[in-house]
Amino acid sequence: MVPGIFRSRPNRFIAQVEISGKAETVHVKNTGRCRELLVPGTQVWCQGSDNPARKTQYDLISVKKGEKWINMDSQAPNIAAREWLAAGGLGELSDLRWETVHGDSRFDFAFT
């Protein structure tokens, strides 16, 4: 993880962030507007990637608002919940499934 300064958001998927004094285009995993968070000059944390096939070298992970850090990775809550459930967080579950479709709906988790 590396610290940076948010500069702009040209579209839903990328942002311009200053990292170590250099302007970088970073991937934004949260496609919501987030206008109250993504304000020029705001401190951010980015995670680097070694994948040469990527268009960007970094992902925008969190943004500072006031004294708090706000998660920007929309996948992180489900990953954490999945790990917690798999580790027995709700006890013994006989039928734990991820991203289950039921009718016209999709559930992040289904279990009995």
PDB file of N, CA and C in Angstrom:
ATOM      1  N   MET A   1       0.848  -1.181   0.000  1.00  0.00           N
ATOM      2  CA  MET A   1       0.000   0.000   0.000  1.00  0.00           C
ATOM      3  C   MET A   1       0.890   1.239   0.000  1.00  0.00           C
ATOM      4  N   VAL A   2       0.456   2.214  -0.769  1.00  0.00           N
ATOM      5  CA  VAL A   2       1.205   3.468  -0.848  1.00  0.00           C
ATOM      6  C   VAL A   2       0.241   4.641  -0.658  1.00  0.00           C
ATOM      7  N   PRO A   3       0.697   5.688   0.030  1.00  0.00           N
ATOM      8  CA  PRO A   3      -0.152   6.865   0.196  1.00  0.00           C
ATOM      9  C   PRO A   3      -0.140   7.714  -1.065  1.00  0.00           C
ATOM     10  N   GLY A   4      -1.203   8.482  -1.241  1.00  0.00           N
ATOM     11  CA  GLY A   4      -1.277   9.382  -2.381  1.00  0.00           C
ATOM     12  C   GLY A   4      -2.217  10.533  -2.093  1.00  0.00           C
ATOM     13  N   ILE A   5      -2.307  11.438  -3.068  1.00  0.00           N
ATOM     14  CA  ILE A   5      -3.211  12.580  -2.998  1.00  0.00           C
ATOM     15  C   ILE A   5      -4.135  12.515  -4.211  1.00  0.00           C
ATOM     16  N   PHE A   6      -5.442  12.466  -3.936  1.00  0.00           N
ATOM     17  CA  PHE A   6      -6.421  12.426  -5.018  1.00  0.00           C
ATOM     18  C   PHE A   6      -6.410  13.753  -5.756  1.00  0.00           C
ATOM     19  N   ARG A   7      -6.417  13.690  -7.093  1.00  0.00           N
ATOM     20  CA  ARG A   7      -6.434  14.904  -7.919  1.00  0.00           C
ATOM     21  C   ARG A   7      -7.731  15.044  -8.717  1.00  0.00           C
ATOM     22  N   SER A   8      -8.169  13.976  -9.409  1.00  0.00           N
ATOM     23  CA  SER A   8      -9.392  14.071 -10.210  1.00  0.00           C
ATOM     24  C   SER A   8      -9.898  12.675 -10.557  1.00  0.00           C
ATOM     25  N   ARG A   9     -11.123  12.647 -11.085  1.00  0.00           N
ATOM     26  CA  ARG A   9     -11.719  11.379 -11.509  1.00  0.00           C
ATOM     27  C   ARG A   9     -12.314  11.572 -12.906  1.00  0.00           C
ATOM     28  N   PRO A  10     -11.528  11.272 -13.930  1.00  0.00           N
ATOM     29  CA  PRO A  10     -11.990  11.479 -15.305  1.00  0.00           C
ATOM     30  C   PRO A  10     -13.231  10.667 -15.681  1.00  0.00           C
ATOM     31  N   ASN A  11     -13.373   9.464 -15.101  1.00  0.00           N
ATOM     32  CA  ASN A  11     -14.575   8.663 -15.342  1.00  0.00           C
ATOM     33  C   ASN A  11     -14.803   7.721 -14.163  1.00  0.00           C
ATOM     34  N   ARG A  12     -15.821   6.865 -14.240  1.00  0.00           N
ATOM     35  CA  ARG A  12     -16.188   5.992 -13.114  1.00  0.00           C
ATOM     36  C   ARG A  12     -15.111   5.000 -12.733  1.00  0.00           C
ATOM     37  N   PHE A  13     -14.236   4.655 -13.656  1.00  0.00           N
ATOM     38  CA  PHE A  13     -13.307   3.554 -13.443  1.00  0.00           C
ATOM     39  C   PHE A  13     -11.883   3.967 -13.081  1.00  0.00           C
ATOM     40  N   ILE A  14     -11.541   5.220 -13.301  1.00  0.00           N
ATOM     41  CA  ILE A  14     -10.170   5.658 -13.026  1.00  0.00           C
ATOM     42  C   ILE A  14     -10.155   6.977 -12.258  1.00  0.00           C
ATOM     43  N   ALA A  15      -9.010   7.210 -11.613  1.00  0.00           N
ATOM     44  CA  ALA A  15      -8.769   8.481 -10.925  1.00  0.00           C
ATOM     45  C   ALA A  15      -7.325   8.880 -11.177  1.00  0.00           C
ATOM     46  N   GLN A  16      -7.071  10.165 -11.059  1.00  0.00           N
ATOM     47  CA  GLN A  16      -5.712  10.678 -11.120  1.00  0.00           C
ATOM     48  C   GLN A  16      -5.265  10.908  -9.681  1.00  0.00           C
ATOM     49  N   VAL A  17      -4.161  10.258  -9.309  1.00  0.00           N
ATOM     50  CA  VAL A  17      -3.641  10.339  -7.947  1.00  0.00           C
ATOM     51  C   VAL A  17      -2.160  10.658  -8.017  1.00  0.00           C
ATOM     52  N   GLU A  18      -1.712  11.541  -7.136  1.00  0.00           N
ATOM     53  CA  GLU A  18      -0.283  11.836  -7.030  1.00  0.00           C
ATOM     54  C   GLU A  18       0.328  10.859  -6.026  1.00  0.00           C
ATOM     55  N   ILE A  19       1.265  10.044  -6.505  1.00  0.00           N
ATOM     56  CA  ILE A  19       1.952   9.057  -5.666  1.00  0.00           C
ATOM     57  C   ILE A  19       3.445   9.326  -5.762  1.00  0.00           C
ATOM     58  N   SER A  20       4.070   9.600  -4.629  1.00  0.00           N
ATOM     59  CA  SER A  20       5.511   9.909  -4.580  1.00  0.00           C
ATOM     60  C   SER A  20       5.873  11.022  -5.557  1.00  0.00           C
ATOM     61  N   GLY A  21       5.005  12.044  -5.637  1.00  0.00           N
ATOM     62  CA  GLY A  21       5.270  13.198  -6.481  1.00  0.00           C
ATOM     63  C   GLY A  21       4.997  12.994  -7.958  1.00  0.00           C
ATOM     64  N   LYS A  22       4.500  11.818  -8.344  1.00  0.00           N
ATOM     65  CA  LYS A  22       4.255  11.506  -9.752  1.00  0.00           C
ATOM     66  C   LYS A  22       2.758  11.297  -9.988  1.00  0.00           C
ATOM     67  N   ALA A  23       2.231  11.857 -11.072  1.00  0.00           N
ATOM     68  CA  ALA A  23       0.825  11.660 -11.426  1.00  0.00           C
ATOM     69  C   ALA A  23       0.624  10.239 -11.931  1.00  0.00           C
ATOM     70  N   GLU A  24      -0.334   9.531 -11.324  1.00  0.00           N
ATOM     71  CA  GLU A  24      -0.634   8.146 -11.708  1.00  0.00           C
ATOM     72  C   GLU A  24      -2.120   8.019 -12.014  1.00  0.00           C
ATOM     73  N   THR A  25      -2.442   7.236 -13.016  1.00  0.00           N
ATOM     74  CA  THR A  25      -3.824   6.850 -13.274  1.00  0.00           C
ATOM     75  C   THR A  25      -4.062   5.562 -12.509  1.00  0.00           C
ATOM     76  N   VAL A  26      -5.071   5.544 -11.631  1.00  0.00           N
ATOM     77  CA  VAL A  26      -5.349   4.376 -10.790  1.00  0.00           C
ATOM     78  C   VAL A  26      -6.768   3.877 -11.054  1.00  0.00           C
ATOM     79  N   HIS A  27      -6.966   2.581 -10.842  1.00  0.00           N
ATOM     80  CA  HIS A  27      -8.291   1.970 -11.008  1.00  0.00           C
ATOM     81  C   HIS A  27      -9.128   2.233  -9.760  1.00  0.00           C
ATOM     82  N   VAL A  28     -10.395   2.610  -9.955  1.00  0.00           N
ATOM     83  CA  VAL A  28     -11.330   2.828  -8.851  1.00  0.00           C
ATOM     84  C   VAL A  28     -12.310   1.657  -8.842  1.00  0.00           C
ATOM     85  N   LYS A  29     -12.273   0.847  -7.779  1.00  0.00           N
ATOM     86  CA  LYS A  29     -13.123  -0.345  -7.698  1.00  0.00           C
ATOM     87  C   LYS A  29     -14.565  -0.026  -7.325  1.00  0.00           C
ATOM     88  N   ASN A  30     -14.842   1.202  -6.936  1.00  0.00           N
ATOM     89  CA  ASN A  30     -16.191   1.624  -6.583  1.00  0.00           C
ATOM     90  C   ASN A  30     -16.674   2.568  -7.677  1.00  0.00           C
ATOM     91  N   THR A  31     -17.659   2.134  -8.464  1.00  0.00           N
ATOM     92  CA  THR A  31     -18.104   2.941  -9.598  1.00  0.00           C
ATOM     93  C   THR A  31     -19.150   3.991  -9.225  1.00  0.00           C
ATOM     94  N   GLY A  32     -19.505   4.077  -7.932  1.00  0.00           N
ATOM     95  CA  GLY A  32     -20.427   5.123  -7.489  1.00  0.00           C
ATOM     96  C   GLY A  32     -19.785   6.502  -7.627  1.00  0.00           C
ATOM     97  N   ARG A  33     -20.579   7.536  -7.556  1.00  0.00           N
ATOM     98  CA  ARG A  33     -20.047   8.898  -7.736  1.00  0.00           C
ATOM     99  C   ARG A  33     -19.046   9.285  -6.657  1.00  0.00           C
ATOM    100  N   CYS A  34     -19.388   9.064  -5.408  1.00  0.00           N
ATOM    101  CA  CYS A  34     -18.489   9.332  -4.271  1.00  0.00           C
ATOM    102  C   CYS A  34     -17.968  10.763  -4.259  1.00  0.00           C
ATOM    103  N   ARG A  35     -18.783  11.705  -4.701  1.00  0.00           N
ATOM    104  CA  ARG A  35     -18.344  13.106  -4.782  1.00  0.00           C
ATOM    105  C   ARG A  35     -17.972  13.696  -3.432  1.00  0.00           C
ATOM    106  N   GLU A  36     -18.633  13.224  -2.364  1.00  0.00           N
ATOM    107  CA  GLU A  36     -18.328  13.743  -1.030  1.00  0.00           C
ATOM    108  C   GLU A  36     -17.003  13.209  -0.508  1.00  0.00           C
ATOM    109  N   LEU A  37     -16.477  12.152  -1.134  1.00  0.00           N
ATOM    110  CA  LEU A  37     -15.206  11.557  -0.711  1.00  0.00           C
ATOM    111  C   LEU A  37     -14.054  11.933  -1.632  1.00  0.00           C
ATOM    112  N   LEU A  38     -14.303  11.887  -2.925  1.00  0.00           N
ATOM    113  CA  LEU A  38     -13.235  12.107  -3.903  1.00  0.00           C
ATOM    114  C   LEU A  38     -13.131  13.587  -4.250  1.00  0.00           C
ATOM    115  N   VAL A  39     -12.518  14.304  -3.322  1.00  0.00           N
ATOM    116  CA  VAL A  39     -12.331  15.750  -3.432  1.00  0.00           C
ATOM    117  C   VAL A  39     -10.850  16.009  -3.701  1.00  0.00           C
ATOM    118  N   PRO A  40     -10.517  16.841  -4.697  1.00  0.00           N
ATOM    119  CA  PRO A  40      -9.102  17.113  -4.966  1.00  0.00           C
ATOM    120  C   PRO A  40      -8.348  17.530  -3.704  1.00  0.00           C
ATOM    121  N   GLY A  41      -7.172  16.936  -3.501  1.00  0.00           N
ATOM    122  CA  GLY A  41      -6.340  17.211  -2.340  1.00  0.00           C
ATOM    123  C   GLY A  41      -6.514  16.218  -1.204  1.00  0.00           C
ATOM    124  N   THR A  42      -7.497  15.321  -1.316  1.00  0.00           N
ATOM    125  CA  THR A  42      -7.775  14.340  -0.266  1.00  0.00           C
ATOM    126  C   THR A  42      -6.703  13.255  -0.230  1.00  0.00           C
ATOM    127  N   GLN A  43      -6.330  12.841   0.992  1.00  0.00           N
ATOM    128  CA  GLN A  43      -5.375  11.740   1.155  1.00  0.00           C
ATOM    129  C   GLN A  43      -6.044  10.423   0.788  1.00  0.00           C
ATOM    130  N   VAL A  44      -5.296   9.549   0.106  1.00  0.00           N
ATOM    131  CA  VAL A  44      -5.797   8.229  -0.281  1.00  0.00           C
ATOM    132  C   VAL A  44      -4.704   7.190  -0.071  1.00  0.00           C
ATOM    133  N   TRP A  45      -5.116   5.923  -0.059  1.00  0.00           N
ATOM    134  CA  TRP A  45      -4.188   4.796  -0.076  1.00  0.00           C
ATOM    135  C   TRP A  45      -4.472   3.991  -1.330  1.00  0.00           C
ATOM    136  N   CYS A  46      -3.405   3.579  -2.003  1.00  0.00           N
ATOM    137  CA  CYS A  46      -3.516   2.777  -3.215  1.00  0.00           C
ATOM    138  C   CYS A  46      -2.716   1.493  -3.048  1.00  0.00           C
ATOM    139  N   GLN A  47      -3.184   0.445  -3.704  1.00  0.00           N
ATOM    140  CA  GLN A  47      -2.486  -0.839  -3.670  1.00  0.00           C
ATOM    141  C   GLN A  47      -1.911  -1.098  -5.051  1.00  0.00           C
ATOM    142  N   GLY A  48      -0.618  -1.431  -5.078  1.00  0.00           N
ATOM    143  CA  GLY A  48       0.058  -1.698  -6.337  1.00  0.00           C
ATOM    144  C   GLY A  48      -0.223  -3.091  -6.867  1.00  0.00           C
ATOM    145  N   SER A  49       0.000  -3.263  -8.154  1.00  0.00           N
ATOM    146  CA  SER A  49      -0.165  -4.562  -8.800  1.00  0.00           C
ATOM    147  C   SER A  49       1.038  -4.820  -9.695  1.00  0.00           C
ATOM    148  N   ASP A  50       1.485  -6.067  -9.712  1.00  0.00           N
ATOM    149  CA  ASP A  50       2.604  -6.459 -10.570  1.00  0.00           C
ATOM    150  C   ASP A  50       2.134  -7.063 -11.886  1.00  0.00           C
ATOM    151  N   ASN A  51       0.837  -7.052 -12.139  1.00  0.00           N
ATOM    152  CA  ASN A  51       0.280  -7.660 -13.341  1.00  0.00           C
ATOM    153  C   ASN A  51       0.611  -6.800 -14.567  1.00  0.00           C
ATOM    154  N   PRO A  52       1.459  -7.292 -15.469  1.00  0.00           N
ATOM    155  CA  PRO A  52       1.839  -6.493 -16.635  1.00  0.00           C
ATOM    156  C   PRO A  52       0.697  -6.297 -17.635  1.00  0.00           C
ATOM    157  N   ALA A  53      -0.360  -7.086 -17.533  1.00  0.00           N
ATOM    158  CA  ALA A  53      -1.486  -6.974 -18.460  1.00  0.00           C
ATOM    159  C   ALA A  53      -2.460  -5.854 -18.069  1.00  0.00           C
ATOM    160  N   ARG A  54      -2.304  -5.318 -16.857  1.00  0.00           N
ATOM    161  CA  ARG A  54      -3.201  -4.253 -16.396  1.00  0.00           C
ATOM    162  C   ARG A  54      -2.917  -2.936 -17.100  1.00  0.00           C
ATOM    163  N   LYS A  55      -3.961  -2.127 -17.221  1.00  0.00           N
ATOM    164  CA  LYS A  55      -3.795  -0.785 -17.780  1.00  0.00           C
ATOM    165  C   LYS A  55      -3.304   0.199 -16.730  1.00  0.00           C
ATOM    166  N   THR A  56      -3.589  -0.086 -15.450  1.00  0.00           N
ATOM    167  CA  THR A  56      -3.137   0.779 -14.363  1.00  0.00           C
ATOM    168  C   THR A  56      -2.280  -0.027 -13.395  1.00  0.00           C
ATOM    169  N   GLN A  57      -1.353   0.645 -12.752  1.00  0.00           N
ATOM    170  CA  GLN A  57      -0.443  -0.018 -11.813  1.00  0.00           C
ATOM    171  C   GLN A  57      -1.029  -0.096 -10.405  1.00  0.00           C
ATOM    172  N   TYR A  58      -2.047   0.727 -10.110  1.00  0.00           N
ATOM    173  CA  TYR A  58      -2.590   0.807  -8.754  1.00  0.00           C
ATOM    174  C   TYR A  58      -4.115   0.715  -8.741  1.00  0.00           C
ATOM    175  N   ASP A  59      -4.644   0.292  -7.572  1.00  0.00           N
ATOM    176  CA  ASP A  59      -6.070   0.360  -7.259  1.00  0.00           C
ATOM    177  C   ASP A  59      -6.238   1.360  -6.125  1.00  0.00           C
ATOM    178  N   LEU A  60      -7.268   2.192  -6.201  1.00  0.00           N
ATOM    179  CA  LEU A  60      -7.606   3.104  -5.111  1.00  0.00           C
ATOM    180  C   LEU A  60      -8.353   2.301  -4.048  1.00  0.00           C
ATOM    181  N   ILE A  61      -7.800   2.228  -2.841  1.00  0.00           N
ATOM    182  CA  ILE A  61      -8.355   1.372  -1.792  1.00  0.00           C
ATOM    183  C   ILE A  61      -9.137   2.154  -0.744  1.00  0.00           C
ATOM    184  N   SER A  62      -8.611   3.279  -0.284  1.00  0.00           N
ATOM    185  CA  SER A  62      -9.315   4.034   0.754  1.00  0.00           C
ATOM    186  C   SER A  62      -9.061   5.529   0.614  1.00  0.00           C
ATOM    187  N   VAL A  63      -9.997   6.298   1.188  1.00  0.00           N
ATOM    188  CA  VAL A  63      -9.979   7.756   1.113  1.00  0.00           C
ATOM    189  C   VAL A  63     -10.179   8.300   2.522  1.00  0.00           C
ATOM    190  N   LYS A  64      -9.433   9.342   2.871  1.00  0.00           N
ATOM    191  CA  LYS A  64      -9.586   9.947   4.193  1.00  0.00           C
ATOM    192  C   LYS A  64     -10.660  11.032   4.144  1.00  0.00           C
ATOM    193  N   LYS A  65     -11.604  10.933   5.089  1.00  0.00           N
ATOM    194  CA  LYS A  65     -12.630  11.969   5.242  1.00  0.00           C
ATOM    195  C   LYS A  65     -12.640  12.360   6.705  1.00  0.00           C
ATOM    196  N   GLY A  66     -12.253  13.577   6.990  1.00  0.00           N
ATOM    197  CA  GLY A  66     -12.104  14.006   8.378  1.00  0.00           C
ATOM    198  C   GLY A  66     -10.982  13.210   9.016  1.00  0.00           C
ATOM    199  N   GLU A  67     -11.273  12.539  10.105  1.00  0.00           N
ATOM    200  CA  GLU A  67     -10.273  11.716  10.794  1.00  0.00           C
ATOM    201  C   GLU A  67     -10.433  10.226  10.484  1.00  0.00           C
ATOM    202  N   LYS A  68     -11.345   9.884   9.589  1.00  0.00           N
ATOM    203  CA  LYS A  68     -11.627   8.473   9.306  1.00  0.00           C
ATOM    204  C   LYS A  68     -11.193   8.086   7.897  1.00  0.00           C
ATOM    205  N   TRP A  69     -10.840   6.812   7.756  1.00  0.00           N
ATOM    206  CA  TRP A  69     -10.514   6.246   6.449  1.00  0.00           C
ATOM    207  C   TRP A  69     -11.724   5.470   5.958  1.00  0.00           C
ATOM    208  N   ILE A  70     -12.139   5.733   4.729  1.00  0.00           N
ATOM    209  CA  ILE A  70     -13.317   5.110   4.134  1.00  0.00           C
ATOM    210  C   ILE A  70     -12.864   4.114   3.066  1.00  0.00           C
ATOM    211  N   ASN A  71     -13.362   2.885   3.165  1.00  0.00           N
ATOM    212  CA  ASN A  71     -13.051   1.852   2.181  1.00  0.00           C
ATOM    213  C   ASN A  71     -13.660   2.215   0.827  1.00  0.00           C
ATOM    214  N   MET A  72     -12.894   2.096  -0.238  1.00  0.00           N
ATOM    215  CA  MET A  72     -13.385   2.356  -1.590  1.00  0.00           C
ATOM    216  C   MET A  72     -13.463   1.089  -2.430  1.00  0.00           C
ATOM    217  N   ASP A  73     -13.051  -0.029  -1.878  1.00  0.00           N
ATOM    218  CA  ASP A  73     -13.064  -1.297  -2.607  1.00  0.00           C
ATOM    219  C   ASP A  73     -14.411  -1.968  -2.365  1.00  0.00           C
ATOM    220  N   SER A  74     -15.309  -1.896  -3.332  1.00  0.00           N
ATOM    221  CA  SER A  74     -16.660  -2.428  -3.147  1.00  0.00           C
ATOM    222  C   SER A  74     -16.681  -3.945  -2.980  1.00  0.00           C
ATOM    223  N   GLN A  75     -15.590  -4.623  -3.293  1.00  0.00           N
ATOM    224  CA  GLN A  75     -15.512  -6.075  -3.129  1.00  0.00           C
ATOM    225  C   GLN A  75     -15.058  -6.477  -1.720  1.00  0.00           C
ATOM    226  N   ALA A  76     -14.414  -5.594  -1.003  1.00  0.00           N
ATOM    227  CA  ALA A  76     -13.816  -5.927   0.298  1.00  0.00           C
ATOM    228  C   ALA A  76     -14.820  -6.439   1.335  1.00  0.00           C
ATOM    229  N   PRO A  77     -16.000  -5.825   1.497  1.00  0.00           N
ATOM    230  CA  PRO A  77     -16.923  -6.346   2.513  1.00  0.00           C
ATOM    231  C   PRO A  77     -17.337  -7.800   2.262  1.00  0.00           C
ATOM    232  N   ASN A  78     -17.617  -8.154   1.011  1.00  0.00           N
ATOM    233  CA  ASN A  78     -18.008  -9.532   0.718  1.00  0.00           C
ATOM    234  C   ASN A  78     -16.851 -10.502   0.901  1.00  0.00           C
ATOM    235  N   ILE A  79     -15.643 -10.082   0.577  1.00  0.00           N
ATOM    236  CA  ILE A  79     -14.474 -10.943   0.791  1.00  0.00           C
ATOM    237  C   ILE A  79     -14.297 -11.202   2.283  1.00  0.00           C
ATOM    238  N   ALA A  80     -14.407 -10.149   3.096  1.00  0.00           N
ATOM    239  CA  ALA A  80     -14.263 -10.308   4.548  1.00  0.00           C
ATOM    240  C   ALA A  80     -15.374 -11.192   5.116  1.00  0.00           C
ATOM    241  N   ALA A  81     -16.605 -10.977   4.666  1.00  0.00           N
ATOM    242  CA  ALA A  81     -17.722 -11.797   5.149  1.00  0.00           C
ATOM    243  C   ALA A  81     -17.555 -13.251   4.728  1.00  0.00           C
ATOM    244  N   ARG A  82     -17.097 -13.472   3.518  1.00  0.00           N
ATOM    245  CA  ARG A  82     -16.874 -14.841   3.028  1.00  0.00           C
ATOM    246  C   ARG A  82     -15.839 -15.556   3.888  1.00  0.00           C
ATOM    247  N   GLU A  83     -14.733 -14.879   4.185  1.00  0.00           N
ATOM    248  CA  GLU A  83     -13.687 -15.479   5.027  1.00  0.00           C
ATOM    249  C   GLU A  83     -14.221 -15.776   6.426  1.00  0.00           C
ATOM    250  N   TRP A  84     -15.005 -14.852   6.974  1.00  0.00           N
ATOM    251  CA  TRP A  84     -15.567 -15.030   8.310  1.00  0.00           C
ATOM    252  C   TRP A  84     -16.523 -16.216   8.340  1.00  0.00           C
ATOM    253  N   LEU A  85     -17.410 -16.301   7.347  1.00  0.00           N
ATOM    254  CA  LEU A  85     -18.351 -17.421   7.282  1.00  0.00           C
ATOM    255  C   LEU A  85     -17.628 -18.747   7.085  1.00  0.00           C
ATOM    256  N   ALA A  86     -16.638 -18.777   6.190  1.00  0.00           N
ATOM    257  CA  ALA A  86     -15.884 -20.005   5.924  1.00  0.00           C
ATOM    258  C   ALA A  86     -15.113 -20.467   7.157  1.00  0.00           C
ATOM    259  N   ALA A  87     -14.719 -19.515   8.008  1.00  0.00           N
ATOM    260  CA  ALA A  87     -13.978 -19.854   9.232  1.00  0.00           C
ATOM    261  C   ALA A  87     -14.910 -20.230  10.385  1.00  0.00           C
ATOM    262  N   GLY A  88     -16.218 -20.291  10.128  1.00  0.00           N
ATOM    263  CA  GLY A  88     -17.153 -20.697  11.170  1.00  0.00           C
ATOM    264  C   GLY A  88     -17.722 -19.553  11.975  1.00  0.00           C
ATOM    265  N   GLY A  89     -17.707 -18.344  11.437  1.00  0.00           N
ATOM    266  CA  GLY A  89     -18.203 -17.176  12.156  1.00  0.00           C
ATOM    267  C   GLY A  89     -19.639 -17.297  12.637  1.00  0.00           C
ATOM    268  N   LEU A  90     -20.466 -18.032  11.921  1.00  0.00           N
ATOM    269  CA  LEU A  90     -21.850 -18.270  12.340  1.00  0.00           C
ATOM    270  C   LEU A  90     -22.048 -19.700  12.815  1.00  0.00           C
ATOM    271  N   GLY A  91     -20.955 -20.354  13.112  1.00  0.00           N
ATOM    272  CA  GLY A  91     -21.042 -21.752  13.527  1.00  0.00           C
ATOM    273  C   GLY A  91     -21.038 -22.673  12.320  1.00  0.00           C
ATOM    274  N   GLU A  92     -21.483 -23.864  12.524  1.00  0.00           N
ATOM    275  CA  GLU A  92     -21.491 -24.884  11.473  1.00  0.00           C
ATOM    276  C   GLU A  92     -22.647 -24.628  10.507  1.00  0.00           C
ATOM    277  N   LEU A  93     -22.325 -24.378   9.255  1.00  0.00           N
ATOM    278  CA  LEU A  93     -23.348 -24.176   8.229  1.00  0.00           C
ATOM    279  C   LEU A  93     -23.282 -25.343   7.255  1.00  0.00           C
ATOM    280  N   SER A  94     -24.418 -25.979   7.006  1.00  0.00           N
ATOM    281  CA  SER A  94     -24.392 -27.187   6.182  1.00  0.00           C
ATOM    282  C   SER A  94     -24.341 -26.897   4.692  1.00  0.00           C
ATOM    283  N   ASP A  95     -24.854 -25.767   4.264  1.00  0.00           N
ATOM    284  CA  ASP A  95     -24.919 -25.496   2.830  1.00  0.00           C
ATOM    285  C   ASP A  95     -24.605 -24.026   2.578  1.00  0.00           C
ATOM    286  N   LEU A  96     -23.335 -23.682   2.543  1.00  0.00           N
ATOM    287  CA  LEU A  96     -22.896 -22.302   2.343  1.00  0.00           C
ATOM    288  C   LEU A  96     -22.538 -22.109   0.875  1.00  0.00           C
ATOM    289  N   ARG A  97     -23.235 -21.165   0.231  1.00  0.00           N
ATOM    290  CA  ARG A  97     -22.995 -20.894  -1.193  1.00  0.00           C
ATOM    291  C   ARG A  97     -22.801 -19.399  -1.408  1.00  0.00           C
ATOM    292  N   TRP A  98     -21.961 -19.051  -2.389  1.00  0.00           N
ATOM    293  CA  TRP A  98     -21.668 -17.652  -2.713  1.00  0.00           C
ATOM    294  C   TRP A  98     -22.440 -17.256  -3.970  1.00  0.00           C
ATOM    295  N   GLU A  99     -22.887 -16.020  -4.019  1.00  0.00           N
ATOM    296  CA  GLU A  99     -23.552 -15.436  -5.185  1.00  0.00           C
ATOM    297  C   GLU A  99     -24.587 -16.382  -5.786  1.00  0.00           C
ATOM    298  N   THR A 100     -25.569 -16.698  -4.985  1.00  0.00           N
ATOM    299  CA  THR A 100     -26.618 -17.635  -5.355  1.00  0.00           C
ATOM    300  C   THR A 100     -27.794 -16.902  -5.995  1.00  0.00           C
ATOM    301  N   VAL A 101     -28.322 -17.464  -7.072  1.00  0.00           N
ATOM    302  CA  VAL A 101     -29.489 -16.894  -7.742  1.00  0.00           C
ATOM    303  C   VAL A 101     -30.738 -17.583  -7.209  1.00  0.00           C
ATOM    304  N   HIS A 102     -31.742 -16.772  -6.882  1.00  0.00           N
ATOM    305  CA  HIS A 102     -33.036 -17.284  -6.431  1.00  0.00           C
ATOM    306  C   HIS A 102     -34.102 -16.450  -7.124  1.00  0.00           C
ATOM    307  N   GLY A 103     -34.813 -17.042  -8.066  1.00  0.00           N
ATOM    308  CA  GLY A 103     -35.791 -16.286  -8.844  1.00  0.00           C
ATOM    309  C   GLY A 103     -35.081 -15.223  -9.668  1.00  0.00           C
ATOM    310  N   ASP A 104     -35.532 -13.990  -9.533  1.00  0.00           N
ATOM    311  CA  ASP A 104     -34.912 -12.874 -10.254  1.00  0.00           C
ATOM    312  C   ASP A 104     -33.881 -12.139  -9.409  1.00  0.00           C
ATOM    313  N   SER A 105     -33.506 -12.713  -8.278  1.00  0.00           N
ATOM    314  CA  SER A 105     -32.576 -12.045  -7.356  1.00  0.00           C
ATOM    315  C   SER A 105     -31.269 -12.815  -7.229  1.00  0.00           C
ATOM    316  N   ARG A 106     -30.230 -12.085  -6.840  1.00  0.00           N
ATOM    317  CA  ARG A 106     -28.940 -12.713  -6.559  1.00  0.00           C
ATOM    318  C   ARG A 106     -28.569 -12.359  -5.133  1.00  0.00           C
ATOM    319  N   PHE A 107     -28.173 -13.375  -4.371  1.00  0.00           N
ATOM    320  CA  PHE A 107     -27.754 -13.185  -2.987  1.00  0.00           C
ATOM    321  C   PHE A 107     -26.244 -13.336  -2.897  1.00  0.00           C
ATOM    322  N   ASP A 108     -25.598 -12.470  -2.120  1.00  0.00           N
ATOM    323  CA  ASP A 108     -24.154 -12.590  -1.926  1.00  0.00           C
ATOM    324  C   ASP A 108     -23.811 -13.915  -1.267  1.00  0.00           C
ATOM    325  N   PHE A 109     -24.635 -14.325  -0.287  1.00  0.00           N
ATOM    326  CA  PHE A 109     -24.411 -15.571   0.449  1.00  0.00           C
ATOM    327  C   PHE A 109     -25.751 -16.249   0.688  1.00  0.00           C
ATOM    328  N   ALA A 110     -25.736 -17.564   0.629  1.00  0.00           N
ATOM    329  CA  ALA A 110     -26.914 -18.351   0.993  1.00  0.00           C
ATOM    330  C   ALA A 110     -26.430 -19.514   1.841  1.00  0.00           C
ATOM    331  N   PHE A 111     -27.173 -19.814   2.897  1.00  0.00           N
ATOM    332  CA  PHE A 111     -26.771 -20.925   3.764  1.00  0.00           C
ATOM    333  C   PHE A 111     -27.978 -21.460   4.518  1.00  0.00           C
ATOM    334  N   THR A 112     -27.795 -22.666   5.062  1.00  0.00           N
ATOM    335  CA  THR A 112     -28.841 -23.271   5.884  1.00  0.00           C
ATOM    336  C   THR A 112     -28.236 -23.702   7.195  1.00  0.00           C
TER     337      THR A 112
END
